[in-house]
Structures are given as C-alpha cells and as structure tokens.
N, C-alpha and C. Protein backbone atom coordinates (compact mmCIF):
# COMPACT_ATOMS: atom_id res chain seq x y z
N MET A 1 1.05 -1.03 0.02
CA MET A 1 0.01 -0.39 0.02
C MET A 1 0.41 1.01 0.09
N ASN A 2 1.99 1.62 0.32
CA ASN A 2 2.96 2.32 1.10
C ASN A 2 3.82 2.11 -0.60
N GLY A 3 4.24 0.96 -1.05
CA GLY A 3 5.30 1.84 -1.83
C GLY A 3 6.80 1.06 -1.80
N ASN A 4 6.64 0.34 -0.03
CA ASN A 4 7.83 -0.10 0.61
C ASN A 4 8.48 -1.27 0.11
N GLY A 5 7.71 -1.77 -0.69
CA GLY A 5 8.19 -3.54 -1.15
C GLY A 5 7.94 -4.17 0.24
N PHE A 6 7.24 -3.97 1.39
CA PHE A 6 6.60 -4.57 2.28
C PHE A 6 5.26 -5.11 2.53
N LEU A 7 5.00 -5.84 2.90
CA LEU A 7 3.29 -5.71 3.32
C LEU A 7 3.32 -6.01 4.53
N SER A 8 2.86 -5.34 5.18
CA SER A 8 2.91 -5.81 7.29
C SER A 8 1.37 -5.68 7.36
N LEU A 9 0.93 -7.11 8.28
CA LEU A 9 0.37 -7.02 8.71
C LEU A 9 -1.53 -6.32 8.42
N ALA A 10 -1.13 -5.03 9.13
CA ALA A 10 -2.23 -3.99 9.41
C ALA A 10 -2.62 -3.55 7.76
N GLU A 11 -1.57 -3.26 6.96
CA GLU A 11 -1.66 -2.97 5.43
C GLU A 11 -3.01 -4.29 4.69
N PHE A 12 -2.28 -5.71 5.06
CA PHE A 12 -3.19 -6.51 4.54
C PHE A 12 -4.37 -6.53 5.17
N GLN A 13 -4.78 -6.14 6.01
CA GLN A 13 -6.06 -5.86 6.69
C GLN A 13 -6.92 -4.81 6.79
N LYS A 14 -6.13 -3.56 6.42
CA LYS A 14 -6.55 -2.18 5.90
C LYS A 14 -7.23 -2.80 4.52
N GLY A 15 -6.65 -3.29 3.73
CA GLY A 15 -7.05 -3.49 1.99
C GLY A 15 -7.90 -4.70 2.01
N LEU A 16 -8.45 -5.63 2.94
CA LEU A 16 -9.37 -6.35 2.80
C LEU A 16 -10.16 -5.63 3.69
N ARG A 17 -10.20 -4.75 3.82
CA ARG A 17 -11.29 -3.99 4.75
C ARG A 17 -11.79 -3.00 4.32
N ASP A 18 -10.61 -1.88 3.05
CA ASP A 18 -11.09 -0.69 2.33
C ASP A 18 -11.25 -1.22 0.72
N VAL A 19 -10.59 -1.76 0.66
CA VAL A 19 -10.32 -2.38 -1.10
C VAL A 19 -11.25 -3.25 -1.25
N ILE A 20 -11.69 -4.87 -0.54
CA ILE A 20 -11.74 -5.61 -1.28
C ILE A 20 -13.20 -5.10 -0.76
N LYS A 21 -13.61 -4.65 0.72
CA LYS A 21 -15.26 -4.54 0.97
C LYS A 21 -15.80 -5.93 1.21
N ILE A 22 -15.58 -7.12 1.70
CA ILE A 22 -15.78 -7.67 2.05
C ILE A 22 -15.66 -8.19 3.64
N PRO A 23 -16.79 -7.34 3.89
CA PRO A 23 -15.97 -7.56 6.25
C PRO A 23 -16.69 -8.94 6.36
N THR A 24 -17.01 -9.82 6.14
CA THR A 24 -16.66 -11.65 6.44
C THR A 24 -15.72 -11.83 5.84
N LEU A 25 -14.76 -11.58 5.25
CA LEU A 25 -12.91 -11.46 5.38
C LEU A 25 -11.90 -11.09 6.39
N PHE A 26 -12.77 -9.87 6.12
CA PHE A 26 -12.01 -8.41 7.68
C PHE A 26 -12.12 -9.39 8.77
N ASP A 27 -13.60 -10.23 9.21
CA ASP A 27 -13.34 -10.91 10.95
C ASP A 27 -12.83 -12.18 10.40
N THR A 28 -11.63 -12.74 9.74
CA THR A 28 -10.75 -13.94 9.84
C THR A 28 -9.54 -13.62 10.77
N LYS A 29 -9.47 -12.27 11.58
CA LYS A 29 -8.37 -11.94 12.05
C LYS A 29 -6.99 -13.32 11.95
N PRO A 30 -7.48 -13.97 13.25
CA PRO A 30 -6.79 -15.59 13.83
C PRO A 30 -6.21 -15.81 12.64
N VAL A 31 -7.07 -15.95 11.15
CA VAL A 31 -6.47 -17.38 10.31
C VAL A 31 -5.99 -16.25 9.91
N ILE A 32 -5.69 -15.07 9.12
CA ILE A 32 -5.23 -13.72 8.65
C ILE A 32 -3.66 -13.89 9.68
N LEU A 33 -3.46 -13.93 10.43
CA LEU A 33 -2.27 -13.93 11.48
C LEU A 33 -1.32 -15.18 11.41
N ARG A 34 -2.24 -16.39 11.55
CA ARG A 34 -1.67 -17.36 11.33
C ARG A 34 -0.63 -17.95 9.75
N ALA A 35 -1.85 -17.34 9.07
CA ALA A 35 -0.94 -17.13 7.82
C ALA A 35 0.18 -16.38 6.90
N PHE A 36 -0.09 -15.32 7.93
CA PHE A 36 1.07 -14.78 8.16
C PHE A 36 2.14 -14.69 8.56
N ASN A 37 1.94 -15.33 9.51
CA ASN A 37 2.90 -15.66 10.64
C ASN A 37 4.23 -16.98 9.67
N ALA A 38 2.61 -17.79 9.36
CA ALA A 38 3.45 -18.92 8.51
C ALA A 38 4.80 -18.29 7.82
N ALA A 39 4.37 -17.52 6.82
CA ALA A 39 5.04 -17.18 5.52
C ALA A 39 5.48 -16.27 5.68
N LYS A 40 6.18 -15.85 7.06
CA LYS A 40 6.90 -14.75 7.01
C LYS A 40 8.56 -16.60 7.65
N ALA A 41 7.81 -16.77 7.99
CA ALA A 41 8.56 -18.06 8.33
C ALA A 41 9.48 -19.08 7.52
N THR A 42 9.10 -18.51 5.65
CA THR A 42 9.01 -19.80 4.18
C THR A 42 10.98 -19.30 4.58
N THR A 43 11.14 -17.95 4.27
CA THR A 43 12.10 -17.89 3.72
C THR A 43 13.18 -16.96 4.72
N LYS A 44 14.26 -16.80 4.51
CA LYS A 44 15.07 -16.41 5.47
C LYS A 44 14.72 -15.14 5.36
N GLY A 45 15.29 -14.08 5.88
CA GLY A 45 14.76 -12.47 5.30
C GLY A 45 16.42 -11.92 4.90
N LYS A 46 16.22 -10.74 4.02
CA LYS A 46 17.06 -10.53 3.98
C LYS A 46 17.31 -8.37 3.62
N SER A 47 15.97 -8.67 5.00
CA SER A 47 16.59 -7.31 5.81
C SER A 47 16.56 -7.27 6.92
N ARG A 48 16.84 -6.24 7.34
CA ARG A 48 16.41 -5.81 9.24
C ARG A 48 15.32 -5.66 9.30
N HIS A 49 13.81 -5.31 8.79
CA HIS A 49 12.21 -5.66 8.19
C HIS A 49 11.93 -7.09 8.26
N SER A 50 12.76 -8.06 7.87
CA SER A 50 11.69 -8.98 7.96
C SER A 50 11.34 -9.39 8.68
N ASP A 51 11.42 -9.50 10.42
CA ASP A 51 11.32 -10.09 11.57
C ASP A 51 9.06 -9.63 11.19
N ASP A 52 9.32 -8.11 10.54
CA ASP A 52 7.61 -7.36 10.79
C ASP A 52 6.76 -7.85 9.75
N TYR A 53 7.38 -7.72 8.75
CA TYR A 53 7.13 -7.74 7.43
C TYR A 53 7.24 -8.68 6.75
N ILE A 54 5.89 -9.04 5.45
CA ILE A 54 6.48 -10.38 4.25
C ILE A 54 7.00 -9.32 3.54
N GLU A 55 7.94 -10.00 2.24
CA GLU A 55 8.88 -9.52 1.57
C GLU A 55 7.88 -9.98 0.20
N LYS A 56 8.43 -9.67 -0.73
CA LYS A 56 7.95 -10.04 -2.34
C LYS A 56 8.12 -11.50 -2.13
N ALA A 57 8.59 -12.69 -1.92
CA ALA A 57 9.55 -13.31 -2.28
C ALA A 57 8.50 -14.53 -1.07
N GLU A 58 7.56 -13.68 0.18
CA GLU A 58 7.28 -14.75 1.12
C GLU A 58 5.10 -14.39 0.45
N PHE A 59 4.81 -12.75 -0.45
CA PHE A 59 3.84 -13.19 -0.32
C PHE A 59 2.88 -14.23 -1.35
N ARG A 60 3.65 -15.10 -2.20
CA ARG A 60 2.99 -16.34 -2.96
C ARG A 60 2.04 -17.55 -1.34
N ALA A 61 3.83 -17.47 -1.17
CA ALA A 61 3.30 -18.18 0.52
C ALA A 61 1.82 -17.70 1.19
N PHE A 62 1.69 -16.84 2.01
CA PHE A 62 1.01 -16.26 2.19
C PHE A 62 -0.37 -16.33 1.31
N LEU A 63 -0.56 -16.32 0.57
CA LEU A 63 -1.69 -16.22 -0.55
C LEU A 63 -2.14 -16.94 -0.27
N LYS A 64 -0.84 -18.54 -0.21
CA LYS A 64 -1.56 -19.73 -0.04
C LYS A 64 -1.33 -20.65 1.09
N TYR A 65 -1.02 -19.80 2.31
CA TYR A 65 -1.70 -20.27 3.61
C TYR A 65 -2.71 -20.02 3.73
N LEU A 66 -3.56 -18.47 2.74
CA LEU A 66 -5.16 -18.57 3.45
C LEU A 66 -5.97 -18.90 2.80
N ARG A 67 -5.44 -19.60 1.35
CA ARG A 67 -6.34 -20.46 1.04
C ARG A 67 -6.65 -21.23 2.10
C-alpha cells in the first residue's frame, strides 16, 4: 500500500477492509495472523525488516496459506 516493497499485517487487513470490501473476510483475523506468521517463516529474511513484514518472495506463500 505504501510502496516500500514490504507488506505489514495492518496493511493487509486495511486492504481487505477498504479495497476488497468484504466484511466477513476482515473478521477472520486469527486465520490471517497464522498465515502471515507462517509465510514469514518460509524464507530467511534479507533485510532488517523481515521479522515484521512479508517480503515479495513470501507473498505467494502467504496467499497459499490463506487459501
């Protein structure tokens, strides 16, 4: 959302609420949190922000875990 190449949990949830506009998806916070944490663990981070954000390489895994 802010163009820095990283995706935070808050940015993803804001996108669900404001862009997709499906309230039932926004209410699945525990599922989103588990998928977010699992995706972060798939690759070793290349930057100092990798512990808090999903990088481009992890985004595909994040979408798979959400599914």
